[in-house]
């Protein structure tokens, strides 16, 4: 893992080929991301959750959340905007849990036109540097989540000046 050449990134249209990493100060006293899972899964009137399942292949828990959008009446089916009218947003939340604590959570966004998840954001805490880390990547990379988290941590630790 190394810093990318932003010019090459734009020239070759590699927007979704690599990872996008965001680092922010973390001001909470806890050192995990359990609070974020609780926030994502809080009960709301306009969101329905499917039952939580464990996906052995990934080693992650998963729940699908569907949020009803208040968009008014749909256009006519002959309207050119009909294929782009959606009345719900779907997010898939994946997380790793050990002894009731969550080390990382993934928020994956559904692309309705293609009927697939297309982008995931990993959130985790790096107590060594007092930071909340967000890593964005394509959903196809989710099976590599452990390598993504580990390599991101190594990359950040090797590039932070102390």
N, C-alpha and C. Protein backbone atom coordinates (compact mmCIF):
# COMPACT_ATOMS: atom_id res chain seq x y z
N UNK A 1 0.85 -1.17 0.00
CA UNK A 1 0.00 0.00 0.00
C UNK A 1 0.90 1.23 0.00
N UNK A 2 0.56 2.18 -0.88
CA UNK A 2 1.35 3.40 -0.96
C UNK A 2 0.45 4.54 -1.41
N UNK A 3 0.90 5.79 -1.18
CA UNK A 3 0.09 6.92 -1.63
C UNK A 3 -0.10 6.84 -3.14
N UNK A 4 -1.27 7.22 -3.60
CA UNK A 4 -1.55 7.17 -5.03
C UNK A 4 -1.15 8.45 -5.73
N UNK A 5 -0.93 8.35 -7.03
CA UNK A 5 -0.67 9.49 -7.89
C UNK A 5 -2.03 10.04 -8.30
N UNK A 6 -2.43 11.18 -7.72
CA UNK A 6 -3.77 11.69 -7.98
C UNK A 6 -3.99 12.04 -9.44
N UNK A 7 -2.96 12.56 -10.13
CA UNK A 7 -3.12 12.88 -11.54
C UNK A 7 -3.43 11.62 -12.34
N UNK A 8 -2.67 10.57 -12.10
CA UNK A 8 -2.90 9.30 -12.79
C UNK A 8 -4.28 8.75 -12.44
N UNK A 9 -4.64 8.92 -11.20
CA UNK A 9 -5.93 8.44 -10.72
C UNK A 9 -7.07 9.05 -11.54
N UNK A 10 -6.99 10.37 -11.77
CA UNK A 10 -8.04 11.04 -12.55
C UNK A 10 -7.92 10.74 -14.04
N UNK A 11 -6.69 10.71 -14.57
CA UNK A 11 -6.49 10.44 -16.00
C UNK A 11 -7.02 9.06 -16.38
N UNK A 12 -6.77 8.07 -15.54
CA UNK A 12 -7.19 6.71 -15.86
C UNK A 12 -8.58 6.37 -15.30
N UNK A 13 -9.22 7.36 -14.68
CA UNK A 13 -10.55 7.17 -14.10
C UNK A 13 -10.57 6.00 -13.11
N UNK A 14 -9.63 6.03 -12.18
CA UNK A 14 -9.48 4.94 -11.21
C UNK A 14 -10.25 5.21 -9.92
N UNK A 15 -11.26 6.04 -9.99
CA UNK A 15 -11.97 6.44 -8.77
C UNK A 15 -12.34 5.26 -7.88
N UNK A 16 -12.74 4.14 -8.48
CA UNK A 16 -13.19 3.02 -7.66
C UNK A 16 -12.22 1.86 -7.67
N UNK A 17 -11.01 2.07 -8.12
CA UNK A 17 -10.03 0.99 -8.16
C UNK A 17 -9.26 0.87 -6.84
N UNK A 18 -9.04 1.97 -6.18
CA UNK A 18 -8.25 1.94 -4.96
C UNK A 18 -9.11 2.13 -3.73
N UNK A 19 -8.49 2.64 -2.69
CA UNK A 19 -9.17 2.93 -1.44
C UNK A 19 -9.12 4.43 -1.20
N UNK A 20 -10.13 4.96 -0.57
CA UNK A 20 -10.11 6.35 -0.13
C UNK A 20 -10.09 6.31 1.39
N UNK A 21 -9.07 6.92 1.98
CA UNK A 21 -8.89 6.86 3.43
C UNK A 21 -9.08 8.25 4.02
N UNK A 22 -9.88 8.32 5.07
CA UNK A 22 -10.10 9.55 5.80
C UNK A 22 -9.71 9.32 7.26
N UNK A 23 -8.99 10.27 7.84
CA UNK A 23 -8.53 10.16 9.23
C UNK A 23 -9.04 11.39 9.98
N UNK A 24 -9.75 11.15 11.09
CA UNK A 24 -10.28 12.24 11.91
C UNK A 24 -9.93 12.00 13.37
N UNK A 25 -9.79 13.06 14.15
CA UNK A 25 -9.55 12.87 15.58
C UNK A 25 -10.72 12.12 16.21
N UNK A 26 -10.40 11.25 17.15
CA UNK A 26 -11.42 10.47 17.86
C UNK A 26 -11.43 10.93 19.30
N UNK A 27 -12.52 11.53 19.73
CA UNK A 27 -12.56 12.17 21.04
C UNK A 27 -13.33 11.38 22.08
N UNK A 28 -13.76 10.19 21.74
CA UNK A 28 -14.50 9.36 22.70
C UNK A 28 -13.53 8.58 23.57
N UNK A 29 -14.01 8.14 24.73
CA UNK A 29 -13.15 7.37 25.64
C UNK A 29 -13.07 5.90 25.26
N UNK A 30 -14.11 5.38 24.56
CA UNK A 30 -14.06 3.97 24.16
C UNK A 30 -13.10 3.80 22.97
N UNK A 31 -12.64 2.59 22.78
CA UNK A 31 -11.66 2.35 21.72
C UNK A 31 -12.18 1.41 20.64
N UNK A 32 -13.49 1.29 20.58
CA UNK A 32 -14.07 0.47 19.51
C UNK A 32 -15.18 1.26 18.83
N UNK A 33 -15.88 0.63 17.94
CA UNK A 33 -16.87 1.31 17.12
C UNK A 33 -18.29 0.82 17.41
N UNK A 34 -18.50 0.19 18.57
CA UNK A 34 -19.81 -0.34 18.95
C UNK A 34 -20.89 0.74 18.90
N UNK A 35 -20.54 1.94 19.32
CA UNK A 35 -21.51 3.04 19.34
C UNK A 35 -22.06 3.32 17.93
N UNK A 36 -21.22 3.14 16.92
CA UNK A 36 -21.64 3.43 15.54
C UNK A 36 -22.63 2.37 15.05
N UNK A 37 -22.40 1.11 15.40
CA UNK A 37 -23.36 0.06 15.05
C UNK A 37 -24.71 0.35 15.71
N UNK A 38 -24.66 0.73 16.98
CA UNK A 38 -25.89 1.05 17.70
C UNK A 38 -26.62 2.23 17.04
N UNK A 39 -25.85 3.21 16.55
CA UNK A 39 -26.43 4.36 15.86
C UNK A 39 -27.09 3.92 14.54
N UNK A 40 -26.38 3.14 13.74
CA UNK A 40 -26.93 2.67 12.46
C UNK A 40 -28.19 1.83 12.66
N UNK A 41 -28.23 1.04 13.72
CA UNK A 41 -29.33 0.10 13.92
C UNK A 41 -30.41 0.60 14.88
N UNK A 42 -30.37 1.89 15.22
CA UNK A 42 -31.39 2.42 16.12
C UNK A 42 -32.76 2.38 15.45
N UNK A 43 -33.77 2.18 16.26
CA UNK A 43 -35.15 2.08 15.76
C UNK A 43 -35.62 3.45 15.25
N UNK A 44 -36.15 3.43 14.03
CA UNK A 44 -36.72 4.64 13.43
C UNK A 44 -38.00 4.25 12.70
N UNK A 45 -38.94 5.17 12.63
CA UNK A 45 -40.23 4.87 12.00
C UNK A 45 -40.11 4.55 10.52
N UNK A 46 -39.18 5.18 9.82
CA UNK A 46 -39.11 5.02 8.37
C UNK A 46 -38.09 3.97 7.91
N UNK A 47 -37.50 3.23 8.85
CA UNK A 47 -36.50 2.22 8.49
C UNK A 47 -36.95 0.84 8.98
N UNK A 48 -36.84 -0.14 8.11
CA UNK A 48 -37.10 -1.53 8.51
C UNK A 48 -35.81 -2.32 8.39
N UNK A 49 -35.60 -3.20 9.34
CA UNK A 49 -34.40 -4.03 9.38
C UNK A 49 -34.78 -5.49 9.19
N UNK A 50 -34.02 -6.18 8.36
CA UNK A 50 -34.18 -7.62 8.25
C UNK A 50 -33.45 -8.24 9.45
N UNK A 51 -33.69 -9.50 9.76
CA UNK A 51 -33.00 -10.13 10.89
C UNK A 51 -31.47 -10.13 10.69
N UNK A 52 -30.75 -9.96 11.79
CA UNK A 52 -29.29 -10.01 11.75
C UNK A 52 -28.86 -11.44 11.49
N UNK A 53 -27.91 -11.61 10.58
CA UNK A 53 -27.36 -12.94 10.29
C UNK A 53 -25.84 -12.89 10.42
N UNK A 54 -25.24 -14.05 10.56
CA UNK A 54 -23.78 -14.15 10.58
C UNK A 54 -23.36 -14.83 9.28
N UNK A 55 -22.43 -14.21 8.56
CA UNK A 55 -21.94 -14.76 7.30
C UNK A 55 -20.59 -15.40 7.55
N UNK A 56 -20.57 -16.74 7.64
CA UNK A 56 -19.34 -17.47 7.94
C UNK A 56 -18.22 -17.14 6.97
N UNK A 57 -18.55 -17.08 5.69
CA UNK A 57 -17.54 -16.85 4.65
C UNK A 57 -16.77 -15.55 4.87
N UNK A 58 -17.47 -14.53 5.39
CA UNK A 58 -16.83 -13.24 5.65
C UNK A 58 -16.35 -13.10 7.09
N UNK A 59 -16.95 -13.87 7.99
CA UNK A 59 -16.65 -13.70 9.41
C UNK A 59 -17.24 -12.41 9.95
N UNK A 60 -18.40 -12.01 9.39
CA UNK A 60 -19.04 -10.76 9.76
C UNK A 60 -20.54 -10.98 10.00
N UNK A 61 -21.08 -10.16 10.89
CA UNK A 61 -22.53 -10.08 11.04
C UNK A 61 -23.05 -9.16 9.95
N UNK A 62 -24.33 -9.33 9.58
CA UNK A 62 -24.92 -8.52 8.52
C UNK A 62 -26.38 -8.24 8.82
N UNK A 63 -26.81 -7.04 8.48
CA UNK A 63 -28.23 -6.69 8.51
C UNK A 63 -28.50 -5.72 7.36
N UNK A 64 -29.65 -5.92 6.75
CA UNK A 64 -30.09 -5.05 5.66
C UNK A 64 -31.11 -4.07 6.22
N UNK A 65 -30.90 -2.77 5.94
CA UNK A 65 -31.80 -1.72 6.40
C UNK A 65 -32.41 -1.02 5.19
N UNK A 66 -33.73 -0.92 5.19
CA UNK A 66 -34.43 -0.26 4.09
C UNK A 66 -35.14 0.97 4.64
N UNK A 67 -34.77 2.13 4.08
CA UNK A 67 -35.37 3.40 4.52
C UNK A 67 -36.36 3.86 3.47
N UNK A 68 -37.59 4.05 3.89
CA UNK A 68 -38.65 4.54 3.01
C UNK A 68 -38.45 6.03 2.79
N UNK A 69 -38.44 6.45 1.53
CA UNK A 69 -38.28 7.87 1.19
C UNK A 69 -39.65 8.49 0.94
N UNK A 70 -39.83 9.70 1.41
CA UNK A 70 -41.08 10.42 1.20
C UNK A 70 -40.90 11.31 -0.02
N UNK A 71 -41.18 10.77 -1.20
CA UNK A 71 -40.92 11.50 -2.44
C UNK A 71 -42.17 11.92 -3.17
N UNK A 72 -43.31 11.66 -2.63
CA UNK A 72 -44.54 12.01 -3.33
C UNK A 72 -44.92 10.91 -4.31
N UNK A 73 -45.89 11.19 -5.16
CA UNK A 73 -46.35 10.15 -6.08
C UNK A 73 -45.30 9.84 -7.15
N UNK A 74 -45.23 8.58 -7.57
CA UNK A 74 -44.26 8.22 -8.60
C UNK A 74 -44.67 8.77 -9.97
N UNK A 75 -43.70 8.99 -10.85
CA UNK A 75 -44.05 9.43 -12.20
C UNK A 75 -44.73 8.29 -12.96
N UNK A 76 -45.35 8.64 -14.06
CA UNK A 76 -45.97 7.64 -14.93
C UNK A 76 -44.90 6.69 -15.46
N UNK A 77 -45.25 5.44 -15.66
CA UNK A 77 -44.27 4.44 -16.11
C UNK A 77 -43.73 4.73 -17.50
N UNK A 78 -44.39 5.58 -18.26
CA UNK A 78 -43.89 5.98 -19.59
C UNK A 78 -42.99 7.20 -19.52
N UNK A 79 -42.93 7.82 -18.36
CA UNK A 79 -42.10 9.00 -18.16
C UNK A 79 -40.63 8.61 -18.28
N UNK A 80 -39.80 9.43 -18.95
CA UNK A 80 -38.37 9.09 -19.08
C UNK A 80 -37.64 9.02 -17.74
N UNK A 81 -38.20 9.63 -16.70
CA UNK A 81 -37.55 9.60 -15.38
C UNK A 81 -37.96 8.38 -14.56
N UNK A 82 -38.91 7.60 -15.06
CA UNK A 82 -39.40 6.45 -14.31
C UNK A 82 -38.29 5.52 -13.84
N UNK A 83 -37.31 5.13 -14.70
CA UNK A 83 -36.27 4.19 -14.22
C UNK A 83 -35.42 4.75 -13.08
N UNK A 84 -35.42 6.08 -12.92
CA UNK A 84 -34.57 6.71 -11.91
C UNK A 84 -35.33 7.12 -10.66
N UNK A 85 -36.59 6.74 -10.57
CA UNK A 85 -37.40 7.10 -9.42
C UNK A 85 -37.39 5.94 -8.43
N UNK A 86 -36.90 6.21 -7.24
CA UNK A 86 -36.82 5.17 -6.21
C UNK A 86 -37.51 5.68 -4.96
N UNK A 87 -38.19 4.78 -4.28
CA UNK A 87 -38.91 5.19 -3.08
C UNK A 87 -38.26 4.66 -1.80
N UNK A 88 -37.03 4.14 -1.94
CA UNK A 88 -36.33 3.64 -0.75
C UNK A 88 -34.82 3.66 -0.97
N UNK A 89 -34.10 3.76 0.12
CA UNK A 89 -32.64 3.60 0.15
C UNK A 89 -32.35 2.32 0.91
N UNK A 90 -31.38 1.57 0.43
CA UNK A 90 -31.00 0.32 1.10
C UNK A 90 -29.53 0.40 1.50
N UNK A 91 -29.26 0.07 2.75
CA UNK A 91 -27.89 -0.03 3.25
C UNK A 91 -27.70 -1.42 3.83
N UNK A 92 -26.54 -1.98 3.59
CA UNK A 92 -26.16 -3.23 4.21
C UNK A 92 -25.09 -2.93 5.24
N UNK A 93 -25.30 -3.33 6.47
CA UNK A 93 -24.33 -3.09 7.54
C UNK A 93 -23.68 -4.42 7.92
N UNK A 94 -22.36 -4.45 7.85
CA UNK A 94 -21.57 -5.62 8.22
C UNK A 94 -20.68 -5.20 9.39
N UNK A 95 -20.43 -6.12 10.34
CA UNK A 95 -19.51 -5.78 11.42
C UNK A 95 -18.86 -7.02 11.99
N UNK A 96 -17.67 -6.79 12.54
CA UNK A 96 -16.92 -7.83 13.25
C UNK A 96 -17.14 -7.59 14.74
N UNK A 97 -17.52 -8.65 15.45
CA UNK A 97 -17.83 -8.53 16.87
C UNK A 97 -17.12 -9.61 17.66
N UNK A 98 -16.42 -9.18 18.72
CA UNK A 98 -15.75 -10.11 19.62
C UNK A 98 -16.11 -9.70 21.05
N UNK A 99 -16.68 -10.64 21.80
CA UNK A 99 -17.09 -10.38 23.19
C UNK A 99 -17.97 -9.13 23.31
N UNK A 100 -18.88 -8.96 22.36
CA UNK A 100 -19.81 -7.85 22.41
C UNK A 100 -19.25 -6.51 21.99
N UNK A 101 -18.01 -6.45 21.59
CA UNK A 101 -17.38 -5.20 21.15
C UNK A 101 -17.16 -5.26 19.65
N UNK A 102 -17.34 -4.15 18.99
CA UNK A 102 -17.23 -4.07 17.53
C UNK A 102 -15.93 -3.36 17.17
N UNK A 103 -15.09 -4.06 16.42
CA UNK A 103 -13.81 -3.46 16.02
C UNK A 103 -13.91 -2.69 14.72
N UNK A 104 -14.82 -3.10 13.84
CA UNK A 104 -14.99 -2.43 12.55
C UNK A 104 -16.43 -2.62 12.09
N UNK A 105 -16.96 -1.59 11.44
CA UNK A 105 -18.30 -1.70 10.84
C UNK A 105 -18.22 -1.19 9.41
N UNK A 106 -19.00 -1.83 8.54
CA UNK A 106 -19.04 -1.47 7.13
C UNK A 106 -20.45 -1.02 6.78
N UNK A 107 -20.55 0.12 6.15
CA UNK A 107 -21.83 0.64 5.66
C UNK A 107 -21.78 0.55 4.14
N UNK A 108 -22.54 -0.38 3.56
CA UNK A 108 -22.53 -0.59 2.11
C UNK A 108 -23.83 -0.06 1.52
N UNK A 109 -23.69 0.70 0.43
CA UNK A 109 -24.82 1.38 -0.20
C UNK A 109 -25.28 0.61 -1.43
N UNK A 110 -26.59 0.45 -1.54
CA UNK A 110 -27.23 -0.30 -2.62
C UNK A 110 -27.39 0.59 -3.85
N UNK A 111 -27.09 0.04 -5.02
CA UNK A 111 -27.28 0.73 -6.30
C UNK A 111 -28.53 0.12 -6.96
N UNK A 112 -29.67 0.81 -6.88
CA UNK A 112 -30.93 0.21 -7.34
C UNK A 112 -30.96 -0.15 -8.82
N UNK A 113 -30.35 0.67 -9.67
CA UNK A 113 -30.39 0.38 -11.11
C UNK A 113 -29.70 -0.94 -11.45
N UNK A 114 -28.64 -1.26 -10.70
CA UNK A 114 -27.90 -2.49 -10.97
C UNK A 114 -28.22 -3.60 -9.97
N UNK A 115 -29.04 -3.28 -8.99
CA UNK A 115 -29.47 -4.25 -7.97
C UNK A 115 -28.27 -4.95 -7.30
N UNK A 116 -27.37 -4.11 -6.79
CA UNK A 116 -26.19 -4.63 -6.10
C UNK A 116 -25.63 -3.53 -5.18
N UNK A 117 -24.85 -3.97 -4.18
CA UNK A 117 -24.11 -3.00 -3.37
C UNK A 117 -22.93 -2.54 -4.20
N UNK A 118 -22.65 -1.24 -4.18
CA UNK A 118 -21.57 -0.74 -5.02
C UNK A 118 -20.44 -0.06 -4.26
N UNK A 119 -20.70 0.43 -3.07
CA UNK A 119 -19.65 1.11 -2.31
C UNK A 119 -19.82 0.80 -0.84
N UNK A 120 -18.70 0.56 -0.18
CA UNK A 120 -18.72 0.30 1.27
C UNK A 120 -17.77 1.28 1.95
N UNK A 121 -18.14 1.67 3.15
CA UNK A 121 -17.27 2.50 3.99
C UNK A 121 -17.01 1.74 5.27
N UNK A 122 -15.75 1.49 5.54
CA UNK A 122 -15.34 0.85 6.79
C UNK A 122 -15.05 1.94 7.80
N UNK A 123 -15.50 1.75 9.02
CA UNK A 123 -15.19 2.67 10.12
C UNK A 123 -14.56 1.87 11.24
N UNK A 124 -13.41 2.35 11.71
CA UNK A 124 -12.75 1.72 12.85
C UNK A 124 -11.89 2.75 13.56
N UNK A 125 -11.53 2.44 14.79
CA UNK A 125 -10.74 3.34 15.62
C UNK A 125 -9.30 2.84 15.67
N UNK A 126 -8.37 3.79 15.59
CA UNK A 126 -6.95 3.49 15.81
C UNK A 126 -6.51 4.23 17.08
N UNK A 127 -6.61 3.56 18.25
CA UNK A 127 -6.27 4.23 19.51
C UNK A 127 -4.83 4.74 19.54
N UNK A 128 -3.90 4.04 18.86
CA UNK A 128 -2.49 4.46 18.88
C UNK A 128 -2.30 5.88 18.38
N UNK A 129 -3.15 6.29 17.45
CA UNK A 129 -3.02 7.64 16.91
C UNK A 129 -4.23 8.51 17.27
N UNK A 130 -5.14 7.96 18.10
CA UNK A 130 -6.31 8.71 18.56
C UNK A 130 -7.22 9.15 17.43
N UNK A 131 -7.44 8.24 16.46
CA UNK A 131 -8.18 8.64 15.27
C UNK A 131 -9.30 7.66 14.90
N UNK A 132 -10.32 8.23 14.27
CA UNK A 132 -11.39 7.46 13.65
C UNK A 132 -11.01 7.36 12.17
N UNK A 133 -10.97 6.15 11.67
CA UNK A 133 -10.55 5.91 10.29
C UNK A 133 -11.76 5.49 9.47
N UNK A 134 -11.89 6.08 8.29
CA UNK A 134 -12.93 5.70 7.34
C UNK A 134 -12.23 5.30 6.05
N UNK A 135 -12.56 4.13 5.55
CA UNK A 135 -11.97 3.64 4.30
C UNK A 135 -13.11 3.31 3.35
N UNK A 136 -13.12 3.95 2.18
CA UNK A 136 -14.15 3.69 1.16
C UNK A 136 -13.57 2.81 0.06
N UNK A 137 -14.37 1.86 -0.41
CA UNK A 137 -13.93 0.95 -1.46
C UNK A 137 -15.16 0.32 -2.11
N UNK A 138 -14.94 -0.35 -3.24
CA UNK A 138 -16.06 -1.01 -3.91
C UNK A 138 -16.49 -2.24 -3.12
N UNK A 139 -17.76 -2.56 -3.22
CA UNK A 139 -18.32 -3.69 -2.46
C UNK A 139 -17.67 -5.01 -2.83
N UNK A 140 -17.15 -5.13 -4.03
CA UNK A 140 -16.49 -6.37 -4.45
C UNK A 140 -15.26 -6.68 -3.60
N UNK A 141 -14.70 -5.65 -2.96
CA UNK A 141 -13.51 -5.84 -2.13
C UNK A 141 -13.85 -6.27 -0.70
N UNK A 142 -15.12 -6.33 -0.34
CA UNK A 142 -15.49 -6.66 1.03
C UNK A 142 -14.91 -7.99 1.52
N UNK A 143 -14.83 -9.05 0.70
CA UNK A 143 -14.21 -10.28 1.20
C UNK A 143 -12.75 -10.10 1.65
N UNK A 144 -12.11 -9.02 1.21
CA UNK A 144 -10.73 -8.73 1.60
C UNK A 144 -10.67 -7.77 2.79
N UNK A 145 -11.74 -7.67 3.55
CA UNK A 145 -11.85 -6.65 4.58
C UNK A 145 -10.72 -6.70 5.60
N UNK A 146 -10.30 -7.89 5.99
CA UNK A 146 -9.23 -7.97 7.00
C UNK A 146 -7.92 -7.40 6.47
N UNK A 147 -7.59 -7.71 5.23
CA UNK A 147 -6.37 -7.17 4.61
C UNK A 147 -6.49 -5.65 4.44
N UNK A 148 -7.67 -5.17 4.07
CA UNK A 148 -7.87 -3.73 3.89
C UNK A 148 -7.64 -3.00 5.21
N UNK A 149 -8.21 -3.51 6.30
CA UNK A 149 -8.05 -2.86 7.61
C UNK A 149 -6.59 -2.93 8.06
N UNK A 150 -6.00 -4.10 7.98
CA UNK A 150 -4.61 -4.28 8.42
C UNK A 150 -3.65 -3.41 7.61
N UNK A 151 -3.79 -3.42 6.29
CA UNK A 151 -2.91 -2.63 5.43
C UNK A 151 -3.12 -1.13 5.64
N UNK A 152 -4.35 -0.72 5.89
CA UNK A 152 -4.62 0.69 6.16
C UNK A 152 -3.93 1.11 7.46
N UNK A 153 -4.04 0.28 8.50
CA UNK A 153 -3.38 0.59 9.77
C UNK A 153 -1.86 0.69 9.58
N UNK A 154 -1.28 -0.28 8.90
CA UNK A 154 0.17 -0.26 8.66
C UNK A 154 0.58 0.96 7.85
N UNK A 155 -0.19 1.28 6.83
CA UNK A 155 0.09 2.43 5.98
C UNK A 155 0.08 3.72 6.81
N UNK A 156 -0.95 3.90 7.61
CA UNK A 156 -1.06 5.12 8.41
C UNK A 156 0.06 5.21 9.44
N UNK A 157 0.34 4.11 10.13
CA UNK A 157 1.40 4.13 11.14
C UNK A 157 2.76 4.44 10.52
N UNK A 158 2.98 3.98 9.30
CA UNK A 158 4.28 4.21 8.65
C UNK A 158 4.39 5.62 8.06
N UNK A 159 3.27 6.33 7.91
CA UNK A 159 3.31 7.65 7.30
C UNK A 159 3.00 8.80 8.26
N UNK A 160 2.72 8.47 9.51
CA UNK A 160 2.43 9.53 10.48
C UNK A 160 3.73 9.94 11.15
N UNK A 161 3.96 11.25 11.11
CA UNK A 161 5.16 11.78 11.77
C UNK A 161 4.81 12.04 13.22
N UNK A 162 5.63 11.49 14.11
CA UNK A 162 5.34 11.65 15.54
C UNK A 162 6.23 12.69 16.16
